[in-house]
Amino acid sequence: MILYNITVNIDHDIHQEWLVWLKDVHIPDVLSTGLFIENKVAKIHAEEDGGLSYSIQYLLKSWEDYNLYQSKFAAELQKKYQNKYANKSVAFRTVLEIIHVEHP
């Protein structure tokens, strides 16, 4: 499985608006691609000057699904995000391959 993680630092003054938009618009748009099997949003608890940080996590079944997302959908979805929040946020992406999961 592949974990696609986007870490975002968003300005304090718009973080509530951004969080509503993220949950009501952006995540549903990403999930509508049909490539993701799970999504989580986590607030990062760390000392940050100038904003709040979040981790937005998407789980995919395979590298093929990740590559398909990147080639067909990512650019347009990222452009929509940048058009709305480019001046109020900083984001970076990390792709992780899950090699072991153990449930209690």
C-alpha atoms as a PDB file:
ATOM      1  CA  MET A   1       0.000   0.000   0.000  1.00  0.00           C
ATOM      2  CA  ILE A   2       1.033   3.597  -0.627  1.00  0.00           C
ATOM      3  CA  LEU A   3       0.515   6.487   1.772  1.00  0.00           C
ATOM      4  CA  TYR A   4       0.388   9.862   0.052  1.00  0.00           C
ATOM      5  CA  ASN A   5       0.886  12.558   2.691  1.00  0.00           C
ATOM      6  CA  ILE A   6       0.546  16.303   2.240  1.00  0.00           C
ATOM      7  CA  THR A   7       1.811  18.444   5.092  1.00  0.00           C
ATOM      8  CA  VAL A   8       0.316  21.936   5.100  1.00  0.00           C
ATOM      9  CA  ASN A   9       1.069  25.000   7.177  1.00  0.00           C
ATOM     10  CA  ILE A  10      -1.887  27.374   6.913  1.00  0.00           C
ATOM     11  CA  ASP A  11      -2.130  30.961   8.187  1.00  0.00           C
ATOM     12  CA  HIS A  12      -4.002  31.383  11.478  1.00  0.00           C
ATOM     13  CA  ASP A  13      -6.421  33.938  10.054  1.00  0.00           C
ATOM     14  CA  ILE A  14      -7.936  31.554   7.489  1.00  0.00           C
ATOM     15  CA  HIS A  15      -7.304  28.113   8.922  1.00  0.00           C
ATOM     16  CA  GLN A  16     -10.968  27.513   9.897  1.00  0.00           C
ATOM     17  CA  GLU A  17     -12.196  28.484   6.414  1.00  0.00           C
ATOM     18  CA  TRP A  18      -9.451  26.315   4.878  1.00  0.00           C
ATOM     19  CA  LEU A  19     -10.368  23.319   7.038  1.00  0.00           C
ATOM     20  CA  VAL A  20     -14.043  23.527   6.006  1.00  0.00           C
ATOM     21  CA  TRP A  21     -13.040  23.853   2.329  1.00  0.00           C
ATOM     22  CA  LEU A  22     -10.600  20.957   2.684  1.00  0.00           C
ATOM     23  CA  LYS A  23     -13.221  18.635   4.191  1.00  0.00           C
ATOM     24  CA  ASP A  24     -16.204  19.760   2.089  1.00  0.00           C
ATOM     25  CA  VAL A  25     -14.593  20.374  -1.311  1.00  0.00           C
ATOM     26  CA  HIS A  26     -10.978  19.281  -1.777  1.00  0.00           C
ATOM     27  CA  ILE A  27     -10.992  15.850  -0.140  1.00  0.00           C
ATOM     28  CA  PRO A  28     -14.245  14.819  -1.876  1.00  0.00           C
ATOM     29  CA  ASP A  29     -12.686  15.945  -5.187  1.00  0.00           C
ATOM     30  CA  VAL A  30      -9.589  13.819  -4.545  1.00  0.00           C
ATOM     31  CA  LEU A  31     -11.617  10.797  -3.424  1.00  0.00           C
ATOM     32  CA  SER A  32     -13.902  11.102  -6.471  1.00  0.00           C
ATOM     33  CA  THR A  33     -10.976   9.875  -8.600  1.00  0.00           C
ATOM     34  CA  GLY A  34     -11.789   6.400  -7.256  1.00  0.00           C
ATOM     35  CA  LEU A  35      -8.127   5.629  -6.608  1.00  0.00           C
ATOM     36  CA  PHE A  36      -7.962   6.117  -2.836  1.00  0.00           C
ATOM     37  CA  ILE A  37      -9.174   3.649  -0.216  1.00  0.00           C
ATOM     38  CA  GLU A  38      -8.867   5.834   2.878  1.00  0.00           C
ATOM     39  CA  ASN A  39      -8.296   9.421   3.964  1.00  0.00           C
ATOM     40  CA  LYS A  40      -7.301  11.023   7.266  1.00  0.00           C
ATOM     41  CA  VAL A  41      -6.648  14.583   8.385  1.00  0.00           C
ATOM     42  CA  ALA A  42      -4.480  15.142  11.451  1.00  0.00           C
ATOM     43  CA  LYS A  43      -3.513  18.341  13.205  1.00  0.00           C
ATOM     44  CA  ILE A  44       0.206  18.514  13.898  1.00  0.00           C
ATOM     45  CA  HIS A  45       0.912  19.664  17.441  1.00  0.00           C
ATOM     46  CA  ALA A  46       4.145  21.601  17.221  1.00  0.00           C
ATOM     47  CA  GLU A  47       5.339  25.106  17.897  1.00  0.00           C
ATOM     48  CA  GLU A  48       4.823  26.959  14.607  1.00  0.00           C
ATOM     49  CA  ASP A  49       5.332  30.639  13.926  1.00  0.00           C
ATOM     50  CA  GLY A  50       2.824  32.035  11.471  1.00  0.00           C
ATOM     51  CA  GLY A  51       0.359  29.208  11.121  1.00  0.00           C
ATOM     52  CA  LEU A  52      -1.083  25.839  12.010  1.00  0.00           C
ATOM     53  CA  SER A  53       0.101  22.563  10.503  1.00  0.00           C
ATOM     54  CA  TYR A  54      -1.915  19.604   9.284  1.00  0.00           C
ATOM     55  CA  SER A  55      -1.183  16.239   7.709  1.00  0.00           C
ATOM     56  CA  ILE A  56      -3.619  15.124   5.014  1.00  0.00           C
ATOM     57  CA  GLN A  57      -3.171  11.422   4.319  1.00  0.00           C
ATOM     58  CA  TYR A  58      -4.502   9.351   1.448  1.00  0.00           C
ATOM     59  CA  LEU A  59      -4.087   5.581   1.190  1.00  0.00           C
ATOM     60  CA  LEU A  60      -3.805   3.818  -2.166  1.00  0.00           C
ATOM     61  CA  LYS A  61      -3.626   0.106  -3.002  1.00  0.00           C
ATOM     62  CA  SER A  62      -0.635   0.270  -5.357  1.00  0.00           C
ATOM     63  CA  TRP A  63       2.068   2.276  -7.085  1.00  0.00           C
ATOM     64  CA  GLU A  64      -0.004   1.955 -10.263  1.00  0.00           C
ATOM     65  CA  ASP A  65      -2.887   3.813  -8.596  1.00  0.00           C
ATOM     66  CA  TYR A  66      -0.507   6.487  -7.307  1.00  0.00           C
ATOM     67  CA  ASN A  67       1.058   6.942 -10.759  1.00  0.00           C
ATOM     68  CA  LEU A  68      -2.380   7.140 -12.364  1.00  0.00           C
ATOM     69  CA  TYR A  69      -3.420   9.809  -9.851  1.00  0.00           C
ATOM     70  CA  GLN A  70      -0.265  11.806 -10.581  1.00  0.00           C
ATOM     71  CA  SER A  71      -0.615  11.578 -14.345  1.00  0.00           C
ATOM     72  CA  LYS A  72      -4.367  12.223 -14.659  1.00  0.00           C
ATOM     73  CA  PHE A  73      -5.600  14.175 -11.640  1.00  0.00           C
ATOM     74  CA  ALA A  74      -2.913  15.718  -9.406  1.00  0.00           C
ATOM     75  CA  ALA A  75      -2.008  18.769 -11.499  1.00  0.00           C
ATOM     76  CA  GLU A  76      -5.596  20.018 -11.805  1.00  0.00           C
ATOM     77  CA  LEU A  77      -6.415  19.454  -8.125  1.00  0.00           C
ATOM     78  CA  GLN A  78      -3.186  21.118  -7.004  1.00  0.00           C
ATOM     79  CA  LYS A  79      -3.876  24.066  -9.313  1.00  0.00           C
ATOM     80  CA  LYS A  80      -7.311  24.565  -7.731  1.00  0.00           C
ATOM     81  CA  TYR A  81      -5.668  24.502  -4.307  1.00  0.00           C
ATOM     82  CA  GLN A  82      -2.946  26.959  -5.327  1.00  0.00           C
ATOM     83  CA  ASN A  83      -5.464  29.357  -6.868  1.00  0.00           C
ATOM     84  CA  LYS A  84      -7.332  29.494  -3.566  1.00  0.00           C
ATOM     85  CA  TYR A  85      -4.597  29.281  -0.893  1.00  0.00           C
ATOM     86  CA  ALA A  86      -1.160  29.812  -2.458  1.00  0.00           C
ATOM     87  CA  ASN A  87      -0.473  33.023  -0.546  1.00  0.00           C
ATOM     88  CA  LYS A  88      -1.775  31.694   2.765  1.00  0.00           C
ATOM     89  CA  SER A  89      -0.177  28.245   2.970  1.00  0.00           C
ATOM     90  CA  VAL A  90       2.907  26.178   2.374  1.00  0.00           C
ATOM     91  CA  ALA A  91       2.635  22.504   1.492  1.00  0.00           C
ATOM     92  CA  PHE A  92       4.974  19.621   0.824  1.00  0.00           C
ATOM     93  CA  ARG A  93       4.241  16.084  -0.250  1.00  0.00           C
ATOM     94  CA  THR A  94       5.690  12.790   0.908  1.00  0.00           C
ATOM     95  CA  VAL A  95       5.018   9.370  -0.573  1.00  0.00           C
ATOM     96  CA  LEU A  96       5.536   6.352   1.675  1.00  0.00           C
ATOM     97  CA  GLU A  97       5.380   2.648   0.889  1.00  0.00           C
ATOM     98  CA  ILE A  98       3.766   0.759   3.754  1.00  0.00           C
ATOM     99  CA  ILE A  99       5.707  -2.447   4.318  1.00  0.00           C
ATOM    100  CA  HIS A 100       4.130  -3.694   7.549  1.00  0.00           C
ATOM    101  CA  VAL A 101       0.861  -3.204   9.431  1.00  0.00           C
ATOM    102  CA  GLU A 102       0.038  -4.931  12.662  1.00  0.00           C
ATOM    103  CA  HIS A 103      -3.325  -4.683  14.383  1.00  0.00           C
ATOM    104  CA  PRO A 104      -3.769  -5.464  18.081  1.00  0.00           C
END
